[in-house]
Amino acid sequence: LTRLEVLDVSKNEIKRLPDVFDCLNLKTLSVLKCPLEEIPLSIGALATCLEDIHIDRHLHLNDPPDTIVSRGTRQLLGYLLRAYRARTTRQLDLAQLSISAITT
């Protein structure tokens, strides 16, 4: 799976994706019409290769905030990358993201 470039799991009853995206090389991820509760932080590790995330804009996810998701792929990846890096650096920079709440 490490050579996988497109992952489309749209129109499934998937609520959670596995947090294993840091070992993949995806260019496109599609999770349209899935009742996702959150997006794995490891997707942030794909910031240099992932070109498109197809996701419903108003899922009311636990994390990331809807305001981030609605801004599109680049903003979403930026947020996820910051949160993903915080796992090792123990520092989370959410400055200038215009978010209204922080989830735990």
C-alpha atoms as a PDB file:
ATOM      1  CA  LEU A   1       0.000   0.000   0.000  1.00  0.00           C
ATOM      2  CA  THR A   2       2.934   2.385   0.328  1.00  0.00           C
ATOM      3  CA  ARG A   3       2.771   3.040  -3.436  1.00  0.00           C
ATOM      4  CA  LEU A   4      -0.943   3.785  -3.378  1.00  0.00           C
ATOM      5  CA  GLU A   5      -1.689   7.169  -4.982  1.00  0.00           C
ATOM      6  CA  VAL A   6      -5.499   7.319  -4.905  1.00  0.00           C
ATOM      7  CA  LEU A   7      -7.749   6.131  -2.090  1.00  0.00           C
ATOM      8  CA  ASP A   8     -11.497   6.465  -2.599  1.00  0.00           C
ATOM      9  CA  VAL A   9     -13.720   5.184   0.197  1.00  0.00           C
ATOM     10  CA  SER A  10     -16.673   7.450  -0.648  1.00  0.00           C
ATOM     11  CA  LYS A  11     -20.260   6.438   0.072  1.00  0.00           C
ATOM     12  CA  ASN A  12     -19.408   4.047   2.899  1.00  0.00           C
ATOM     13  CA  GLU A  13     -20.412   3.985   6.547  1.00  0.00           C
ATOM     14  CA  ILE A  14     -16.867   4.780   7.697  1.00  0.00           C
ATOM     15  CA  LYS A  15     -16.762   6.841  10.890  1.00  0.00           C
ATOM     16  CA  ARG A  16     -13.011   6.585  11.513  1.00  0.00           C
ATOM     17  CA  LEU A  17     -10.047   6.136   9.236  1.00  0.00           C
ATOM     18  CA  PRO A  18      -6.942   4.337  10.529  1.00  0.00           C
ATOM     19  CA  ASP A  19      -4.154   6.645  11.675  1.00  0.00           C
ATOM     20  CA  VAL A  20      -1.568   5.166   9.288  1.00  0.00           C
ATOM     21  CA  PHE A  21      -1.330   7.771   6.551  1.00  0.00           C
ATOM     22  CA  ASP A  22       2.233   8.770   7.415  1.00  0.00           C
ATOM     23  CA  CYS A  23       3.497   5.650   5.604  1.00  0.00           C
ATOM     24  CA  LEU A  24       1.568   6.305   2.387  1.00  0.00           C
ATOM     25  CA  ASN A  25       2.241   8.373  -0.733  1.00  0.00           C
ATOM     26  CA  LEU A  26      -1.308   9.419  -1.583  1.00  0.00           C
ATOM     27  CA  LYS A  27      -2.075  12.117  -4.111  1.00  0.00           C
ATOM     28  CA  THR A  28      -5.862  11.939  -3.773  1.00  0.00           C
ATOM     29  CA  LEU A  29      -8.071  10.944  -0.845  1.00  0.00           C
ATOM     30  CA  SER A  30     -11.838  10.839  -1.255  1.00  0.00           C
ATOM     31  CA  VAL A  31     -14.129  10.328   1.726  1.00  0.00           C
ATOM     32  CA  LEU A  32     -17.292  11.918   0.333  1.00  0.00           C
ATOM     33  CA  LYS A  33     -20.589  10.873   1.899  1.00  0.00           C
ATOM     34  CA  CYS A  34     -18.942   9.077   4.808  1.00  0.00           C
ATOM     35  CA  PRO A  35     -20.129   9.850   8.348  1.00  0.00           C
ATOM     36  CA  LEU A  36     -16.597  10.615   9.551  1.00  0.00           C
ATOM     37  CA  GLU A  37     -16.167  11.785  13.132  1.00  0.00           C
ATOM     38  CA  GLU A  38     -12.578  12.940  12.725  1.00  0.00           C
ATOM     39  CA  ILE A  39      -9.724  13.013  10.269  1.00  0.00           C
ATOM     40  CA  PRO A  40      -6.508  11.242  11.346  1.00  0.00           C
ATOM     41  CA  LEU A  41      -3.652  13.610  12.127  1.00  0.00           C
ATOM     42  CA  SER A  42      -1.257  11.406  10.154  1.00  0.00           C
ATOM     43  CA  ILE A  43      -2.841  12.764   6.969  1.00  0.00           C
ATOM     44  CA  GLY A  44      -0.842  15.897   7.787  1.00  0.00           C
ATOM     45  CA  ALA A  45       2.316  13.916   7.011  1.00  0.00           C
ATOM     46  CA  LEU A  46       1.117  13.830   3.397  1.00  0.00           C
ATOM     47  CA  ALA A  47       1.277  17.626   3.047  1.00  0.00           C
ATOM     48  CA  THR A  48       4.008  17.421   0.391  1.00  0.00           C
ATOM     49  CA  CYS A  49       2.373  14.763  -1.801  1.00  0.00           C
ATOM     50  CA  LEU A  50      -1.403  14.944  -1.234  1.00  0.00           C
ATOM     51  CA  GLU A  51      -2.978  17.183  -3.865  1.00  0.00           C
ATOM     52  CA  ASP A  52      -6.691  16.725  -3.198  1.00  0.00           C
ATOM     53  CA  ILE A  53      -8.896  15.726  -0.313  1.00  0.00           C
ATOM     54  CA  HIS A  54     -12.497  15.223  -1.354  1.00  0.00           C
ATOM     55  CA  ILE A  55     -14.543  15.593   1.811  1.00  0.00           C
ATOM     56  CA  ASP A  56     -18.008  16.842   2.644  1.00  0.00           C
ATOM     57  CA  ARG A  57     -17.632  20.388   3.939  1.00  0.00           C
ATOM     58  CA  HIS A  58     -20.201  20.228   6.740  1.00  0.00           C
ATOM     59  CA  LEU A  59     -19.608  16.991   8.598  1.00  0.00           C
ATOM     60  CA  HIS A  60     -19.383  18.615  12.024  1.00  0.00           C
ATOM     61  CA  LEU A  61     -16.240  16.672  12.794  1.00  0.00           C
ATOM     62  CA  ASN A  62     -14.793  16.444  16.269  1.00  0.00           C
ATOM     63  CA  ASP A  63     -11.455  17.388  14.727  1.00  0.00           C
ATOM     64  CA  PRO A  64     -10.440  19.354  12.671  1.00  0.00           C
ATOM     65  CA  PRO A  65     -12.922  22.228  13.083  1.00  0.00           C
ATOM     66  CA  ASP A  66     -15.454  22.801  10.297  1.00  0.00           C
ATOM     67  CA  THR A  67     -13.919  26.204   9.611  1.00  0.00           C
ATOM     68  CA  ILE A  68     -10.659  24.498   8.627  1.00  0.00           C
ATOM     69  CA  VAL A  69     -12.329  21.785   6.513  1.00  0.00           C
ATOM     70  CA  SER A  70     -14.396  24.341   4.608  1.00  0.00           C
ATOM     71  CA  ARG A  71     -11.242  26.194   3.480  1.00  0.00           C
ATOM     72  CA  GLY A  72     -10.081  23.345   1.262  1.00  0.00           C
ATOM     73  CA  THR A  73      -7.195  20.930   0.899  1.00  0.00           C
ATOM     74  CA  ARG A  74      -4.224  23.258   1.562  1.00  0.00           C
ATOM     75  CA  GLN A  75      -5.666  24.741   4.752  1.00  0.00           C
ATOM     76  CA  LEU A  76      -6.807  21.348   6.006  1.00  0.00           C
ATOM     77  CA  LEU A  77      -3.394  19.805   5.361  1.00  0.00           C
ATOM     78  CA  GLY A  78      -1.675  22.730   7.071  1.00  0.00           C
ATOM     79  CA  TYR A  79      -3.789  22.253  10.186  1.00  0.00           C
ATOM     80  CA  LEU A  80      -3.279  18.480  10.214  1.00  0.00           C
ATOM     81  CA  LEU A  81       0.474  18.848   9.680  1.00  0.00           C
ATOM     82  CA  ARG A  82       0.757  21.217  12.652  1.00  0.00           C
ATOM     83  CA  ALA A  83      -1.210  18.828  14.852  1.00  0.00           C
ATOM     84  CA  TYR A  84       0.737  15.808  13.572  1.00  0.00           C
ATOM     85  CA  ARG A  85       4.094  17.443  14.304  1.00  0.00           C
ATOM     86  CA  ALA A  86       2.913  18.347  17.803  1.00  0.00           C
ATOM     87  CA  ARG A  87       2.966  14.642  18.654  1.00  0.00           C
ATOM     88  CA  THR A  88       6.758  14.725  18.666  1.00  0.00           C
ATOM     89  CA  THR A  89       7.584  18.386  19.293  1.00  0.00           C
ATOM     90  CA  ARG A  90       5.023  18.791  22.083  1.00  0.00           C
ATOM     91  CA  GLN A  91       4.267  22.251  20.730  1.00  0.00           C
ATOM     92  CA  LEU A  92       1.096  23.081  18.839  1.00  0.00           C
ATOM     93  CA  ASP A  93       0.966  26.313  16.842  1.00  0.00           C
ATOM     94  CA  LEU A  94      -2.608  27.238  15.958  1.00  0.00           C
ATOM     95  CA  ALA A  95      -1.870  30.936  15.474  1.00  0.00           C
ATOM     96  CA  GLN A  96      -3.745  32.836  12.776  1.00  0.00           C
ATOM     97  CA  LEU A  97      -6.108  30.000  11.853  1.00  0.00           C
ATOM     98  CA  SER A  98      -9.294  31.917  12.772  1.00  0.00           C
ATOM     99  CA  ILE A  99     -10.741  28.952  14.645  1.00  0.00           C
ATOM    100  CA  SER A 100     -13.435  29.463  17.263  1.00  0.00           C
ATOM    101  CA  ALA A 101     -12.857  26.389  19.449  1.00  0.00           C
ATOM    102  CA  ILE A 102     -10.237  23.820  20.313  1.00  0.00           C
ATOM    103  CA  THR A 103     -11.219  20.186  20.816  1.00  0.00           C
ATOM    104  CA  THR A 104      -9.349  17.720  22.994  1.00  0.00           C
END
